[in-house]
Amino acid sequence: MARGIETKCLHLEEEEGCSNNYGAVSYPVYQTSTYAHLGVGKSTGYDYSRLQNPTREHLEKVVAVLENGSDALAFSTGMAAITLMMELFSPGDHLIVDADLYGGVIRLFNNVSKKKRNYILKY
């Protein structure tokens, strides 16, 4: 039987019967900032929580499943997401944006990104 959206929000099928989370029924929230490693050059995949952590990685997997996508990215702020998205554009690209934007986004477009790119904003 296919899982409903409510179940998908809480449980990934790939983790069915998995006991990696110390027996927790739902995925735990990891509230650590740094991670120990087995030795020099032997990373666990997590170094510093702002770069990546198990909780955010799990959220990204759940969002990808819910959206029928292959992957997803989660950010701590909208400005972080917008800043990353601006890196996808090249000089000469045209962006169509709404005039009713958060002031920080307008400043990013008009002051910071404009110095690096020759794009045209259409409001």
PDB file of N, CA and C in Angstrom:
ATOM      1  N   MET A   1       0.837  -1.177   0.000  1.00  0.00           N
ATOM      2  CA  MET A   1       0.000   0.000   0.000  1.00  0.00           C
ATOM      3  C   MET A   1       0.890   1.251   0.000  1.00  0.00           C
ATOM      4  N   ALA A   2       0.558   2.221  -0.829  1.00  0.00           N
ATOM      5  CA  ALA A   2       1.329   3.454  -0.923  1.00  0.00           C
ATOM      6  C   ALA A   2       1.141   4.295   0.341  1.00  0.00           C
ATOM      7  N   ARG A   3       2.186   4.954   0.721  1.00  0.00           N
ATOM      8  CA  ARG A   3       2.123   5.813   1.904  1.00  0.00           C
ATOM      9  C   ARG A   3       1.473   7.138   1.559  1.00  0.00           C
ATOM     10  N   GLY A   4       0.676   7.655   2.496  1.00  0.00           N
ATOM     11  CA  GLY A   4       0.057   8.959   2.328  1.00  0.00           C
ATOM     12  C   GLY A   4       1.041  10.058   2.679  1.00  0.00           C
ATOM     13  N   ILE A   5       0.670  11.282   2.361  1.00  0.00           N
ATOM     14  CA  ILE A   5       1.573  12.412   2.602  1.00  0.00           C
ATOM     15  C   ILE A   5       1.891  12.576   4.090  1.00  0.00           C
ATOM     16  N   GLU A   6       0.924  12.300   4.961  1.00  0.00           N
ATOM     17  CA  GLU A   6       1.170  12.435   6.400  1.00  0.00           C
ATOM     18  C   GLU A   6       2.277  11.495   6.855  1.00  0.00           C
ATOM     19  N   THR A   7       2.258  10.262   6.345  1.00  0.00           N
ATOM     20  CA  THR A   7       3.284   9.289   6.715  1.00  0.00           C
ATOM     21  C   THR A   7       4.617   9.655   6.088  1.00  0.00           C
ATOM     22  N   LYS A   8       4.592  10.099   4.836  1.00  0.00           N
ATOM     23  CA  LYS A   8       5.831  10.487   4.163  1.00  0.00           C
ATOM     24  C   LYS A   8       6.514  11.649   4.872  1.00  0.00           C
ATOM     25  N   CYS A   9       5.738  12.533   5.467  1.00  0.00           N
ATOM     26  CA  CYS A   9       6.317  13.672   6.188  1.00  0.00           C
ATOM     27  C   CYS A   9       7.118  13.218   7.403  1.00  0.00           C
ATOM     28  N   LEU A  10       6.772  12.076   7.953  1.00  0.00           N
ATOM     29  CA  LEU A  10       7.423  11.599   9.168  1.00  0.00           C
ATOM     30  C   LEU A  10       8.426  10.481   8.947  1.00  0.00           C
ATOM     31  N   HIS A  11       8.168   9.636   7.953  1.00  0.00           N
ATOM     32  CA  HIS A  11       8.991   8.439   7.788  1.00  0.00           C
ATOM     33  C   HIS A  11       9.388   8.237   6.340  1.00  0.00           C
ATOM     34  N   LEU A  12      10.683   8.068   6.109  1.00  0.00           N
ATOM     35  CA  LEU A  12      11.153   7.710   4.780  1.00  0.00           C
ATOM     36  C   LEU A  12      11.121   6.194   4.646  1.00  0.00           C
ATOM     37  N   GLU A  13      10.656   5.689   3.515  1.00  0.00           N
ATOM     38  CA  GLU A  13      10.567   4.236   3.323  1.00  0.00           C
ATOM     39  C   GLU A  13      11.916   3.560   3.487  1.00  0.00           C
ATOM     40  N   GLU A  14      12.991   4.233   3.069  1.00  0.00           N
ATOM     41  CA  GLU A  14      14.323   3.631   3.161  1.00  0.00           C
ATOM     42  C   GLU A  14      14.770   3.423   4.601  1.00  0.00           C
ATOM     43  N   GLU A  15      14.090   4.058   5.537  1.00  0.00           N
ATOM     44  CA  GLU A  15      14.460   3.918   6.945  1.00  0.00           C
ATOM     45  C   GLU A  15      13.523   2.987   7.700  1.00  0.00           C
ATOM     46  N   GLU A  16      12.649   2.304   6.985  1.00  0.00           N
ATOM     47  CA  GLU A  16      11.704   1.380   7.613  1.00  0.00           C
ATOM     48  C   GLU A  16      12.458   0.319   8.409  1.00  0.00           C
ATOM     49  N   GLY A  17      12.140   0.173   9.668  1.00  0.00           N
ATOM     50  CA  GLY A  17      12.770  -0.831  10.518  1.00  0.00           C
ATOM     51  C   GLY A  17      14.203  -0.492  10.896  1.00  0.00           C
ATOM     52  N   CYS A  18      14.651   0.687  10.569  1.00  0.00           N
ATOM     53  CA  CYS A  18      16.024   1.112  10.837  1.00  0.00           C
ATOM     54  C   CYS A  18      16.151   1.511  12.310  1.00  0.00           C
ATOM     55  N   SER A  19      17.218   1.099  12.938  1.00  0.00           N
ATOM     56  CA  SER A  19      17.393   1.449  14.350  1.00  0.00           C
ATOM     57  C   SER A  19      18.620   2.331  14.564  1.00  0.00           C
ATOM     58  N   ASN A  20      19.043   3.078  13.521  1.00  0.00           N
ATOM     59  CA  ASN A  20      20.207   3.959  13.660  1.00  0.00           C
ATOM     60  C   ASN A  20      19.943   5.094  14.634  1.00  0.00           C
ATOM     61  N   ASN A  21      18.714   5.445  14.859  1.00  0.00           N
ATOM     62  CA  ASN A  21      18.377   6.619  15.656  1.00  0.00           C
ATOM     63  C   ASN A  21      18.085   6.262  17.109  1.00  0.00           C
ATOM     64  N   TYR A  22      18.760   5.253  17.596  1.00  0.00           N
ATOM     65  CA  TYR A  22      18.649   4.852  18.997  1.00  0.00           C
ATOM     66  C   TYR A  22      17.231   4.508  19.412  1.00  0.00           C
ATOM     67  N   GLY A  23      16.468   3.966  18.472  1.00  0.00           N
ATOM     68  CA  GLY A  23      15.120   3.515  18.777  1.00  0.00           C
ATOM     69  C   GLY A  23      14.049   4.584  18.683  1.00  0.00           C
ATOM     70  N   ALA A  24      14.413   5.806  18.300  1.00  0.00           N
ATOM     71  CA  ALA A  24      13.421   6.876  18.182  1.00  0.00           C
ATOM     72  C   ALA A  24      12.457   6.554  17.045  1.00  0.00           C
ATOM     73  N   VAL A  25      11.169   6.764  17.270  1.00  0.00           N
ATOM     74  CA  VAL A  25      10.157   6.494  16.256  1.00  0.00           C
ATOM     75  C   VAL A  25      10.221   7.534  15.147  1.00  0.00           C
ATOM     76  N   SER A  26      10.408   8.796  15.507  1.00  0.00           N
ATOM     77  CA  SER A  26      10.579   9.842  14.506  1.00  0.00           C
ATOM     78  C   SER A  26      12.050  10.255  14.504  1.00  0.00           C
ATOM     79  N   TYR A  27      12.475  10.870  13.421  1.00  0.00           N
ATOM     80  CA  TYR A  27      13.885  11.242  13.289  1.00  0.00           C
ATOM     81  C   TYR A  27      14.248  12.284  14.348  1.00  0.00           C
ATOM     82  N   PRO A  28      15.344  12.094  15.062  1.00  0.00           N
ATOM     83  CA  PRO A  28      15.715  13.026  16.130  1.00  0.00           C
ATOM     84  C   PRO A  28      16.276  14.334  15.583  1.00  0.00           C
ATOM     85  N   VAL A  29      16.204  15.380  16.386  1.00  0.00           N
ATOM     86  CA  VAL A  29      16.810  16.659  16.068  1.00  0.00           C
ATOM     87  C   VAL A  29      18.194  16.663  16.720  1.00  0.00           C
ATOM     88  N   TYR A  30      19.230  16.757  15.885  1.00  0.00           N
ATOM     89  CA  TYR A  30      20.601  16.784  16.401  1.00  0.00           C
ATOM     90  C   TYR A  30      20.981  18.217  16.699  1.00  0.00           C
ATOM     91  N   GLN A  31      21.223  18.512  17.978  1.00  0.00           N
ATOM     92  CA  GLN A  31      21.516  19.877  18.409  1.00  0.00           C
ATOM     93  C   GLN A  31      22.989  20.042  18.744  1.00  0.00           C
ATOM     94  N   THR A  32      23.830  19.594  17.866  1.00  0.00           N
ATOM     95  CA  THR A  32      25.264  19.745  18.074  1.00  0.00           C
ATOM     96  C   THR A  32      25.835  20.660  17.003  1.00  0.00           C
ATOM     97  N   SER A  33      26.929  21.320  17.302  1.00  0.00           N
ATOM     98  CA  SER A  33      27.517  22.217  16.304  1.00  0.00           C
ATOM     99  C   SER A  33      28.740  21.595  15.636  1.00  0.00           C
ATOM    100  N   THR A  34      29.471  20.767  16.356  1.00  0.00           N
ATOM    101  CA  THR A  34      30.659  20.132  15.785  1.00  0.00           C
ATOM    102  C   THR A  34      30.570  18.624  15.966  1.00  0.00           C
ATOM    103  N   TYR A  35      31.326  17.899  15.158  1.00  0.00           N
ATOM    104  CA  TYR A  35      31.247  16.437  15.147  1.00  0.00           C
ATOM    105  C   TYR A  35      32.635  15.832  15.298  1.00  0.00           C
ATOM    106  N   ALA A  36      32.708  14.740  16.040  1.00  0.00           N
ATOM    107  CA  ALA A  36      33.969  14.023  16.220  1.00  0.00           C
ATOM    108  C   ALA A  36      34.229  13.146  14.998  1.00  0.00           C
ATOM    109  N   HIS A  37      35.483  12.894  14.721  1.00  0.00           N
ATOM    110  CA  HIS A  37      35.884  12.040  13.611  1.00  0.00           C
ATOM    111  C   HIS A  37      36.709  10.875  14.134  1.00  0.00           C
ATOM    112  N   LEU A  38      36.739   9.810  13.367  1.00  0.00           N
ATOM    113  CA  LEU A  38      37.471   8.616  13.775  1.00  0.00           C
ATOM    114  C   LEU A  38      38.974   8.846  13.765  1.00  0.00           C
ATOM    115  N   GLY A  39      39.430   9.784  12.963  1.00  0.00           N
ATOM    116  CA  GLY A  39      40.856  10.095  12.880  1.00  0.00           C
ATOM    117  C   GLY A  39      41.086  11.141  11.813  1.00  0.00           C
ATOM    118  N   VAL A  40      42.335  11.500  11.593  1.00  0.00           N
ATOM    119  CA  VAL A  40      42.685  12.493  10.585  1.00  0.00           C
ATOM    120  C   VAL A  40      42.306  11.963   9.208  1.00  0.00           C
ATOM    121  N   GLY A  41      41.545  12.760   8.473  1.00  0.00           N
ATOM    122  CA  GLY A  41      41.119  12.358   7.134  1.00  0.00           C
ATOM    123  C   GLY A  41      39.987  11.350   7.112  1.00  0.00           C
ATOM    124  N   LYS A  42      39.402  11.028   8.267  1.00  0.00           N
ATOM    125  CA  LYS A  42      38.307  10.054   8.358  1.00  0.00           C
ATOM    126  C   LYS A  42      37.043  10.771   8.834  1.00  0.00           C
ATOM    127  N   SER A  43      36.434  11.502   7.919  1.00  0.00           N
ATOM    128  CA  SER A  43      35.251  12.301   8.252  1.00  0.00           C
ATOM    129  C   SER A  43      34.009  11.424   8.378  1.00  0.00           C
ATOM    130  N   THR A  44      33.099  11.859   9.197  1.00  0.00           N
ATOM    131  CA  THR A  44      31.806  11.190   9.315  1.00  0.00           C
ATOM    132  C   THR A  44      30.826  11.724   8.277  1.00  0.00           C
ATOM    133  N   GLY A  45      31.262  12.759   7.538  1.00  0.00           N
ATOM    134  CA  GLY A  45      30.386  13.425   6.587  1.00  0.00           C
ATOM    135  C   GLY A  45      29.830  14.720   7.161  1.00  0.00           C
ATOM    136  N   TYR A  46      30.037  14.914   8.434  1.00  0.00           N
ATOM    137  CA  TYR A  46      29.578  16.126   9.109  1.00  0.00           C
ATOM    138  C   TYR A  46      30.765  16.734   9.849  1.00  0.00           C
ATOM    139  N   ASP A  47      31.012  18.020   9.606  1.00  0.00           N
ATOM    140  CA  ASP A  47      32.108  18.701  10.289  1.00  0.00           C
ATOM    141  C   ASP A  47      31.573  19.772  11.226  1.00  0.00           C
ATOM    142  N   TYR A  48      30.747  20.630  10.660  1.00  0.00           N
ATOM    143  CA  TYR A  48      30.210  21.760  11.412  1.00  0.00           C
ATOM    144  C   TYR A  48      28.746  21.889  11.014  1.00  0.00           C
ATOM    145  N   SER A  49      27.883  22.062  11.977  1.00  0.00           N
ATOM    146  CA  SER A  49      26.447  21.986  11.764  1.00  0.00           C
ATOM    147  C   SER A  49      25.905  22.995  10.763  1.00  0.00           C
ATOM    148  N   ARG A  50      26.559  24.151  10.614  1.00  0.00           N
ATOM    149  CA  ARG A  50      26.071  25.126   9.646  1.00  0.00           C
ATOM    150  C   ARG A  50      26.343  24.691   8.210  1.00  0.00           C
ATOM    151  N   LEU A  51      27.296  23.804   8.024  1.00  0.00           N
ATOM    152  CA  LEU A  51      27.582  23.284   6.686  1.00  0.00           C
ATOM    153  C   LEU A  51      26.609  22.170   6.319  1.00  0.00           C
ATOM    154  N   GLN A  52      26.418  21.236   7.202  1.00  0.00           N
ATOM    155  CA  GLN A  52      25.479  20.126   7.006  1.00  0.00           C
ATOM    156  C   GLN A  52      25.353  19.402   8.335  1.00  0.00           C
ATOM    157  N   ASN A  53      24.187  18.836   8.584  1.00  0.00           N
ATOM    158  CA  ASN A  53      23.977  18.050   9.789  1.00  0.00           C
ATOM    159  C   ASN A  53      22.910  17.004   9.506  1.00  0.00           C
ATOM    160  N   PRO A  54      22.827  15.966  10.326  1.00  0.00           N
ATOM    161  CA  PRO A  54      21.878  14.890  10.059  1.00  0.00           C
ATOM    162  C   PRO A  54      20.425  15.353  10.000  1.00  0.00           C
ATOM    163  N   THR A  55      20.051  16.315  10.827  1.00  0.00           N
ATOM    164  CA  THR A  55      18.669  16.785  10.850  1.00  0.00           C
ATOM    165  C   THR A  55      18.304  17.458   9.534  1.00  0.00           C
ATOM    166  N   ARG A  56      19.148  18.368   9.056  1.00  0.00           N
ATOM    167  CA  ARG A  56      18.857  19.054   7.797  1.00  0.00           C
ATOM    168  C   ARG A  56      18.915  18.086   6.624  1.00  0.00           C
ATOM    169  N   GLU A  57      19.854  17.161   6.654  1.00  0.00           N
ATOM    170  CA  GLU A  57      19.952  16.169   5.585  1.00  0.00           C
ATOM    171  C   GLU A  57      18.675  15.329   5.501  1.00  0.00           C
ATOM    172  N   HIS A  58      18.128  14.977   6.649  1.00  0.00           N
ATOM    173  CA  HIS A  58      16.884  14.216   6.682  1.00  0.00           C
ATOM    174  C   HIS A  58      15.729  15.055   6.125  1.00  0.00           C
ATOM    175  N   LEU A  59      15.644  16.320   6.523  1.00  0.00           N
ATOM    176  CA  LEU A  59      14.616  17.217   5.997  1.00  0.00           C
ATOM    177  C   LEU A  59      14.706  17.288   4.472  1.00  0.00           C
ATOM    178  N   GLU A  60      15.910  17.430   3.943  1.00  0.00           N
ATOM    179  CA  GLU A  60      16.094  17.512   2.491  1.00  0.00           C
ATOM    180  C   GLU A  60      15.599  16.241   1.800  1.00  0.00           C
ATOM    181  N   LYS A  61      15.876  15.093   2.394  1.00  0.00           N
ATOM    182  CA  LYS A  61      15.398  13.825   1.818  1.00  0.00           C
ATOM    183  C   LYS A  61      13.873  13.751   1.833  1.00  0.00           C
ATOM    184  N   VAL A  62      13.257  14.175   2.930  1.00  0.00           N
ATOM    185  CA  VAL A  62      11.795  14.146   3.036  1.00  0.00           C
ATOM    186  C   VAL A  62      11.165  15.084   2.007  1.00  0.00           C
ATOM    187  N   VAL A  63      11.696  16.299   1.868  1.00  0.00           N
ATOM    188  CA  VAL A  63      11.159  17.243   0.885  1.00  0.00           C
ATOM    189  C   VAL A  63      11.301  16.683  -0.525  1.00  0.00           C
ATOM    190  N   ALA A  64      12.428  16.060  -0.837  1.00  0.00           N
ATOM    191  CA  ALA A  64      12.622  15.460  -2.163  1.00  0.00           C
ATOM    192  C   ALA A  64      11.580  14.377  -2.424  1.00  0.00           C
ATOM    193  N   VAL A  65      11.299  13.549  -1.433  1.00  0.00           N
ATOM    194  CA  VAL A  65      10.285  12.495  -1.587  1.00  0.00           C
ATOM    195  C   VAL A  65       8.901  13.110  -1.784  1.00  0.00           C
ATOM    196  N   LEU A  66       8.574  14.108  -0.983  1.00  0.00           N
ATOM    197  CA  LEU A  66       7.252  14.735  -1.084  1.00  0.00           C
ATOM    198  C   LEU A  66       7.047  15.419  -2.434  1.00  0.00           C
ATOM    199  N   GLU A  67       8.109  15.958  -3.006  1.00  0.00           N
ATOM    200  CA  GLU A  67       8.016  16.677  -4.279  1.00  0.00           C
ATOM    201  C   GLU A  67       8.344  15.781  -5.471  1.00  0.00           C
ATOM    202  N   ASN A  68       8.534  14.479  -5.217  1.00  0.00           N
ATOM    203  CA  ASN A  68       8.921  13.533  -6.274  1.00  0.00           C
ATOM    204  C   ASN A  68      10.184  13.996  -6.987  1.00  0.00           C
ATOM    205  N   GLY A  69      11.125  14.545  -6.229  1.00  0.00           N
ATOM    206  CA  GLY A  69      12.382  15.023  -6.789  1.00  0.00           C
ATOM    207  C   GLY A  69      13.514  14.063  -6.479  1.00  0.00           C
ATOM    208  N   SER A  70      14.641  14.318  -7.091  1.00  0.00           N
ATOM    209  CA  SER A  70      15.808  13.474  -6.835  1.00  0.00           C
ATOM    210  C   SER A  70      16.624  13.994  -5.653  1.00  0.00           C
ATOM    211  N   ASP A  71      16.486  15.287  -5.347  1.00  0.00           N
ATOM    212  CA  ASP A  71      17.228  15.878  -4.236  1.00  0.00           C
ATOM    213  C   ASP A  71      16.567  17.197  -3.847  1.00  0.00           C
ATOM    214  N   ALA A  72      16.934  17.734  -2.720  1.00  0.00           N
ATOM    215  CA  ALA A  72      16.425  19.022  -2.259  1.00  0.00           C
ATOM    216  C   ALA A  72      17.499  19.689  -1.413  1.00  0.00           C
ATOM    217  N   LEU A  73      17.430  20.999  -1.310  1.00  0.00           N
ATOM    218  CA  LEU A  73      18.346  21.754  -0.466  1.00  0.00           C
ATOM    219  C   LEU A  73      17.541  22.572   0.527  1.00  0.00           C
ATOM    220  N   ALA A  74      18.003  22.601   1.771  1.00  0.00           N
ATOM    221  CA  ALA A  74      17.356  23.406   2.809  1.00  0.00           C
ATOM    222  C   ALA A  74      18.363  24.446   3.299  1.00  0.00           C
ATOM    223  N   PHE A  75      17.878  25.640   3.583  1.00  0.00           N
ATOM    224  CA  PHE A  75      18.736  26.739   4.031  1.00  0.00           C
ATOM    225  C   PHE A  75      18.181  27.310   5.328  1.00  0.00           C
ATOM    226  N   SER A  76      19.054  27.961   6.071  1.00  0.00           N
ATOM    227  CA  SER A  76      18.625  28.536   7.344  1.00  0.00           C
ATOM    228  C   SER A  76      17.866  29.841   7.147  1.00  0.00           C
ATOM    229  N   THR A  77      18.053  30.512   6.009  1.00  0.00           N
ATOM    230  CA  THR A  77      17.342  31.756   5.740  1.00  0.00           C
ATOM    231  C   THR A  77      16.968  31.837   4.271  1.00  0.00           C
ATOM    232  N   GLY A  78      15.992  32.666   3.977  1.00  0.00           N
ATOM    233  CA  GLY A  78      15.614  32.914   2.592  1.00  0.00           C
ATOM    234  C   GLY A  78      16.728  33.610   1.834  1.00  0.00           C
ATOM    235  N   MET A  79      17.453  34.506   2.502  1.00  0.00           N
ATOM    236  CA  MET A  79      18.563  35.201   1.845  1.00  0.00           C
ATOM    237  C   MET A  79      19.660  34.227   1.451  1.00  0.00           C
ATOM    238  N   ALA A  80      19.897  33.201   2.260  1.00  0.00           N
ATOM    239  CA  ALA A  80      20.902  32.201   1.906  1.00  0.00           C
ATOM    240  C   ALA A  80      20.477  31.457   0.645  1.00  0.00           C
ATOM    241  N   ALA A  81      19.202  31.114   0.552  1.00  0.00           N
ATOM    242  CA  ALA A  81      18.699  30.419  -0.638  1.00  0.00           C
ATOM    243  C   ALA A  81      18.789  31.309  -1.875  1.00  0.00           C
ATOM    244  N   ILE A  82      18.407  32.569  -1.739  1.00  0.00           N
ATOM    245  CA  ILE A  82      18.440  33.491  -2.874  1.00  0.00           C
ATOM    246  C   ILE A  82      19.881  33.748  -3.316  1.00  0.00           C
ATOM    247  N   THR A  83      20.791  33.900  -2.372  1.00  0.00           N
ATOM    248  CA  THR A  83      22.196  34.117  -2.709  1.00  0.00           C
ATOM    249  C   THR A  83      22.748  32.944  -3.505  1.00  0.00           C
ATOM    250  N   LEU A  84      22.420  31.725  -3.086  1.00  0.00           N
ATOM    251  CA  LEU A  84      22.862  30.547  -3.840  1.00  0.00           C
ATOM    252  C   LEU A  84      22.244  30.535  -5.232  1.00  0.00           C
ATOM    253  N   MET A  85      20.969  30.823  -5.327  1.00  0.00           N
ATOM    254  CA  MET A  85      20.303  30.812  -6.628  1.00  0.00           C
ATOM    255  C   MET A  85      20.931  31.818  -7.587  1.00  0.00           C
ATOM    256  N   MET A  86      21.391  32.948  -7.077  1.00  0.00           N
ATOM    257  CA  MET A  86      22.019  33.953  -7.933  1.00  0.00           C
ATOM    258  C   MET A  86      23.294  33.422  -8.575  1.00  0.00           C
ATOM    259  N   GLU A  87      23.930  32.438  -7.952  1.00  0.00           N
ATOM    260  CA  GLU A  87      25.147  31.848  -8.512  1.00  0.00           C
ATOM    261  C   GLU A  87      24.857  31.003  -9.753  1.00  0.00           C
ATOM    262  N   LEU A  88      23.589  30.673  -9.990  1.00  0.00           N
ATOM    263  CA  LEU A  88      23.223  29.862 -11.157  1.00  0.00           C
ATOM    264  C   LEU A  88      23.133  30.684 -12.436  1.00  0.00           C
ATOM    265  N   PHE A  89      23.071  32.004 -12.306  1.00  0.00           N
ATOM    266  CA  PHE A  89      22.907  32.869 -13.468  1.00  0.00           C
ATOM    267  C   PHE A  89      24.239  33.373 -13.978  1.00  0.00           C
ATOM    268  N   SER A  90      24.271  33.675 -15.265  1.00  0.00           N
ATOM    269  CA  SER A  90      25.483  34.149 -15.935  1.00  0.00           C
ATOM    270  C   SER A  90      25.272  35.565 -16.453  1.00  0.00           C
ATOM    271  N   PRO A  91      26.366  36.262 -16.781  1.00  0.00           N
ATOM    272  CA  PRO A  91      26.226  37.597 -17.366  1.00  0.00           C
ATOM    273  C   PRO A  91      25.326  37.558 -18.599  1.00  0.00           C
ATOM    274  N   GLY A  92      24.416  38.531 -18.683  1.00  0.00           N
ATOM    275  CA  GLY A  92      23.494  38.602 -19.813  1.00  0.00           C
ATOM    276  C   GLY A  92      22.175  37.900 -19.589  1.00  0.00           C
ATOM    277  N   ASP A  93      22.059  37.112 -18.524  1.00  0.00           N
ATOM    278  CA  ASP A  93      20.788  36.442 -18.228  1.00  0.00           C
ATOM    279  C   ASP A  93      19.742  37.471 -17.834  1.00  0.00           C
ATOM    280  N   HIS A  94      18.507  37.169 -18.115  1.00  0.00           N
ATOM    281  CA  HIS A  94      17.396  38.051 -17.758  1.00  0.00           C
ATOM    282  C   HIS A  94      16.623  37.415 -16.603  1.00  0.00           C
ATOM    283  N   LEU A  95      16.355  38.198 -15.581  1.00  0.00           N
ATOM    284  CA  LEU A  95      15.578  37.737 -14.438  1.00  0.00           C
ATOM    285  C   LEU A  95      14.287  38.536 -14.370  1.00  0.00           C
ATOM    286  N   ILE A  96      13.202  37.864 -14.187  1.00  0.00           N
ATOM    287  CA  ILE A  96      11.925  38.538 -13.992  1.00  0.00           C
ATOM    288  C   ILE A  96      11.557  38.350 -12.530  1.00  0.00           C
ATOM    289  N   VAL A  97      11.489  39.443 -11.792  1.00  0.00           N
ATOM    290  CA  VAL A  97      11.203  39.388 -10.363  1.00  0.00           C
ATOM    291  C   VAL A  97      10.073  40.349 -10.033  1.00  0.00           C
ATOM    292  N   ASP A  98       9.408  40.070  -8.950  1.00  0.00           N
ATOM    293  CA  ASP A  98       8.321  40.931  -8.490  1.00  0.00           C
ATOM    294  C   ASP A  98       8.904  42.175  -7.826  1.00  0.00           C
ATOM    295  N   ALA A  99       8.237  43.289  -7.969  1.00  0.00           N
ATOM    296  CA  ALA A  99       8.715  44.531  -7.368  1.00  0.00           C
ATOM    297  C   ALA A  99       8.538  44.535  -5.851  1.00  0.00           C
ATOM    298  N   ASP A 100       7.656  43.708  -5.327  1.00  0.00           N
ATOM    299  CA  ASP A 100       7.376  43.661  -3.900  1.00  0.00           C
ATOM    300  C   ASP A 100       8.269  42.611  -3.241  1.00  0.00           C
ATOM    301  N   LEU A 101       9.552  42.935  -3.114  1.00  0.00           N
ATOM    302  CA  LEU A 101      10.527  42.012  -2.537  1.00  0.00           C
ATOM    303  C   LEU A 101      11.023  42.519  -1.193  1.00  0.00           C
ATOM    304  N   TYR A 102      11.537  41.611  -0.406  1.00  0.00           N
ATOM    305  CA  TYR A 102      12.209  41.960   0.841  1.00  0.00           C
ATOM    306  C   TYR A 102      13.379  42.890   0.498  1.00  0.00           C
ATOM    307  N   GLY A 103      13.568  43.941   1.271  1.00  0.00           N
ATOM    308  CA  GLY A 103      14.597  44.942   0.988  1.00  0.00           C
ATOM    309  C   GLY A 103      15.988  44.365   0.842  1.00  0.00           C
ATOM    310  N   GLY A 104      16.300  43.350   1.627  1.00  0.00           N
ATOM    311  CA  GLY A 104      17.621  42.725   1.530  1.00  0.00           C
ATOM    312  C   GLY A 104      17.849  42.083   0.172  1.00  0.00           C
ATOM    313  N   VAL A 105      16.795  41.559  -0.423  1.00  0.00           N
ATOM    314  CA  VAL A 105      16.900  40.933  -1.743  1.00  0.00           C
ATOM    315  C   VAL A 105      17.154  42.000  -2.796  1.00  0.00           C
ATOM    316  N   ILE A 106      16.444  43.109  -2.703  1.00  0.00           N
ATOM    317  CA  ILE A 106      16.638  44.202  -3.660  1.00  0.00           C
ATOM    318  C   ILE A 106      18.068  44.724  -3.570  1.00  0.00           C
ATOM    319  N   ARG A 107      18.581  44.893  -2.347  1.00  0.00           N
ATOM    320  CA  ARG A 107      19.966  45.355  -2.188  1.00  0.00           C
ATOM    321  C   ARG A 107      20.949  44.327  -2.739  1.00  0.00           C
ATOM    322  N   LEU A 108      20.681  43.050  -2.529  1.00  0.00           N
ATOM    323  CA  LEU A 108      21.534  41.994  -3.086  1.00  0.00           C
ATOM    324  C   LEU A 108      21.566  42.094  -4.605  1.00  0.00           C
ATOM    325  N   PHE A 109      20.395  42.213  -5.223  1.00  0.00           N
ATOM    326  CA  PHE A 109      20.320  42.300  -6.676  1.00  0.00           C
ATOM    327  C   PHE A 109      21.004  43.558  -7.208  1.00  0.00           C
ATOM    328  N   ASN A 110      20.686  44.699  -6.615  1.00  0.00           N
ATOM    329  CA  ASN A 110      21.137  45.978  -7.164  1.00  0.00           C
ATOM    330  C   ASN A 110      22.548  46.386  -6.769  1.00  0.00           C
ATOM    331  N   ASN A 111      23.060  45.875  -5.651  1.00  0.00           N
ATOM    332  CA  ASN A 111      24.377  46.306  -5.187  1.00  0.00           C
ATOM    333  C   ASN A 111      25.432  45.205  -5.240  1.00  0.00           C
ATOM    334  N   VAL A 112      25.137  44.069  -4.689  1.00  0.00           N
ATOM    335  CA  VAL A 112      26.142  43.011  -4.586  1.00  0.00           C
ATOM    336  C   VAL A 112      26.259  42.227  -5.891  1.00  0.00           C
ATOM    337  N   SER A 113      25.177  41.627  -6.345  1.00  0.00           N
ATOM    338  CA  SER A 113      25.233  40.782  -7.527  1.00  0.00           C
ATOM    339  C   SER A 113      25.477  41.571  -8.805  1.00  0.00           C
ATOM    340  N   LYS A 114      25.014  42.792  -8.858  1.00  0.00           N
ATOM    341  CA  LYS A 114      25.164  43.600 -10.066  1.00  0.00           C
ATOM    342  C   LYS A 114      26.636  43.860 -10.379  1.00  0.00           C
ATOM    343  N   LYS A 115      27.457  43.925  -9.348  1.00  0.00           N
ATOM    344  CA  LYS A 115      28.885  44.154  -9.545  1.00  0.00           C
ATOM    345  C   LYS A 115      29.540  42.967 -10.263  1.00  0.00           C
ATOM    346  N   LYS A 116      28.993  41.776 -10.084  1.00  0.00           N
ATOM    347  CA  LYS A 116      29.587  40.580 -10.660  1.00  0.00           C
ATOM    348  C   LYS A 116      28.932  40.167 -11.972  1.00  0.00           C
ATOM    349  N   ARG A 117      27.702  40.610 -12.218  1.00  0.00           N
ATOM    350  CA  ARG A 117      26.958  40.127 -13.365  1.00  0.00           C
ATOM    351  C   ARG A 117      26.322  41.273 -14.125  1.00  0.00           C
ATOM    352  N   ASN A 118      26.141  41.047 -15.371  1.00  0.00           N
ATOM    353  CA  ASN A 118      25.465  42.031 -16.202  1.00  0.00           C
ATOM    354  C   ASN A 118      24.084  41.489 -16.553  1.00  0.00           C
ATOM    355  N   TYR A 119      23.204  41.418 -15.592  1.00  0.00           N
ATOM    356  CA  TYR A 119      21.864  40.904 -15.851  1.00  0.00           C
ATOM    357  C   TYR A 119      20.862  42.041 -15.785  1.00  0.00           C
ATOM    358  N   ILE A 120      19.720  41.798 -16.351  1.00  0.00           N
ATOM    359  CA  ILE A 120      18.676  42.806 -16.415  1.00  0.00           C
ATOM    360  C   ILE A 120      17.518  42.360 -15.530  1.00  0.00           C
ATOM    361  N   LEU A 121      17.146  43.185 -14.578  1.00  0.00           N
ATOM    362  CA  LEU A 121      15.997  42.895 -13.731  1.00  0.00           C
ATOM    363  C   LEU A 121      14.754  43.514 -14.353  1.00  0.00           C
ATOM    364  N   LYS A 122      13.706  42.742 -14.447  1.00  0.00           N
ATOM    365  CA  LYS A 122      12.437  43.257 -14.960  1.00  0.00           C
ATOM    366  C   LYS A 122      11.411  43.144 -13.852  1.00  0.00           C
ATOM    367  N   TYR A 123      10.926  44.276 -13.362  1.00  0.00           N
ATOM    368  CA  TYR A 123       9.952  44.289 -12.277  1.00  0.00           C
ATOM    369  C   TYR A 123       8.556  44.344 -12.847  1.00  0.00           C
TER     370      TYR A 123
END
